[in-house]
């Protein structure tokens, strides 16, 4: 049996959790691009990101506490940077 849930933001949708052999997986989309998916097996605490497009390969294998955290990371990875914006290390 499958359950379907959607979490939507301005540009990204996390959708389609799938239950298969004790694995929970969510498709991560940024705009109209499938960024990848996150999956968690029974007994695991974190979701692991699996890239579906080269623009998101930097997230491959990264672990996230929630599918929403993976969705935010994917969106930030491809977000255009503002000119003159500087990140300062704490």
Protein backbone atom coordinates (compact mmCIF):
# COMPACT_ATOMS: atom_id res chain seq x y z
CA UNK A 1 0.00 0.00 0.00
CA UNK A 2 1.30 3.49 -0.84
CA UNK A 3 0.55 6.78 0.84
CA UNK A 4 0.90 10.09 -0.97
CA UNK A 5 1.74 13.37 0.73
CA UNK A 6 2.98 16.65 -0.70
CA UNK A 7 4.93 19.44 0.94
CA UNK A 8 5.06 22.51 -1.28
CA UNK A 9 7.14 25.68 -1.16
CA UNK A 10 7.51 28.50 -3.63
CA UNK A 11 9.69 26.57 -6.11
CA UNK A 12 10.10 23.06 -4.79
CA UNK A 13 7.83 20.14 -4.13
CA UNK A 14 8.64 17.10 -2.03
CA UNK A 15 6.17 14.40 -2.97
CA UNK A 16 5.33 10.75 -3.28
CA UNK A 17 6.49 8.83 -0.24
CA UNK A 18 6.65 5.19 -1.15
CA UNK A 19 6.63 2.25 1.22
CA UNK A 20 8.46 -0.75 -0.19
CA UNK A 21 10.19 -3.44 1.86
CA UNK A 22 10.49 -1.18 4.92
CA UNK A 23 11.95 1.73 2.94
CA UNK A 24 10.50 5.22 2.95
CA UNK A 25 11.42 7.38 -0.07
CA UNK A 26 10.52 10.89 -1.22
CA UNK A 27 11.08 12.44 -4.64
CA UNK A 28 12.75 15.88 -4.41
CA UNK A 29 11.92 18.37 -7.17
CA UNK A 30 13.22 21.90 -7.68
CA UNK A 31 10.93 23.77 -10.02
CA UNK A 32 10.28 21.26 -12.79
CA UNK A 33 13.57 19.40 -12.31
CA UNK A 34 13.76 16.14 -10.43
CA UNK A 35 16.74 16.76 -8.16
CA UNK A 36 16.79 13.28 -6.70
CA UNK A 37 15.22 11.36 -3.89
CA UNK A 38 15.81 10.69 -0.24
CA UNK A 39 15.38 7.24 1.22
CA UNK A 40 15.41 5.79 4.71
CA UNK A 41 15.41 2.07 5.48
CA UNK A 42 13.76 0.59 8.53
CA UNK A 43 15.90 1.23 11.58
CA UNK A 44 17.81 4.14 10.04
CA UNK A 45 17.54 7.57 11.59
CA UNK A 46 18.39 9.76 8.59
CA UNK A 47 17.32 10.05 4.94
CA UNK A 48 20.10 9.61 2.35
CA UNK A 49 20.03 11.78 -0.79
CA UNK A 50 20.37 10.08 -4.20
CA UNK A 51 20.98 12.53 -7.04
CA UNK A 52 18.91 12.34 -10.22
CA UNK A 53 20.48 15.33 -12.03
CA UNK A 54 24.10 16.44 -12.29
CA UNK A 55 23.30 19.85 -10.78
CA UNK A 56 22.59 18.05 -7.49
CA UNK A 57 25.53 15.63 -7.45
CA UNK A 58 27.11 17.59 -4.56
CA UNK A 59 24.30 16.30 -2.36
CA UNK A 60 24.82 12.64 -3.32
CA UNK A 61 25.10 10.51 -0.20
CA UNK A 62 24.39 13.39 2.17
CA UNK A 63 22.17 12.51 5.11
CA UNK A 64 19.21 14.62 6.22
CA UNK A 65 16.97 14.47 9.27
CA UNK A 66 13.85 15.14 7.18
CA UNK A 67 12.85 15.21 3.51
CA UNK A 68 12.15 18.94 3.98
CA UNK A 69 15.78 19.52 4.96
CA UNK A 70 16.92 17.78 1.77
CA UNK A 71 14.48 19.86 -0.26
CA UNK A 72 15.88 23.10 1.22
CA UNK A 73 19.46 22.00 0.52
CA UNK A 74 18.62 21.19 -3.11
CA UNK A 75 16.88 24.54 -3.59
CA UNK A 76 19.80 26.45 -2.05
CA UNK A 77 22.31 24.57 -4.20
CA UNK A 78 20.83 25.93 -7.42
CA UNK A 79 19.59 29.31 -6.14
CA UNK A 80 21.15 32.23 -7.97
CA UNK A 81 23.60 34.07 -5.75
CA UNK A 82 23.16 37.79 -5.38
CA UNK A 83 26.01 39.85 -6.68
CA UNK A 84 28.10 41.24 -3.85
CA UNK A 85 26.68 38.75 -1.34
CA UNK A 86 29.40 37.39 0.92
CA UNK A 87 29.16 34.61 3.44
CA UNK A 88 31.19 35.11 6.57
CA UNK A 89 32.35 32.17 8.64
CA UNK A 90 31.39 32.31 12.29
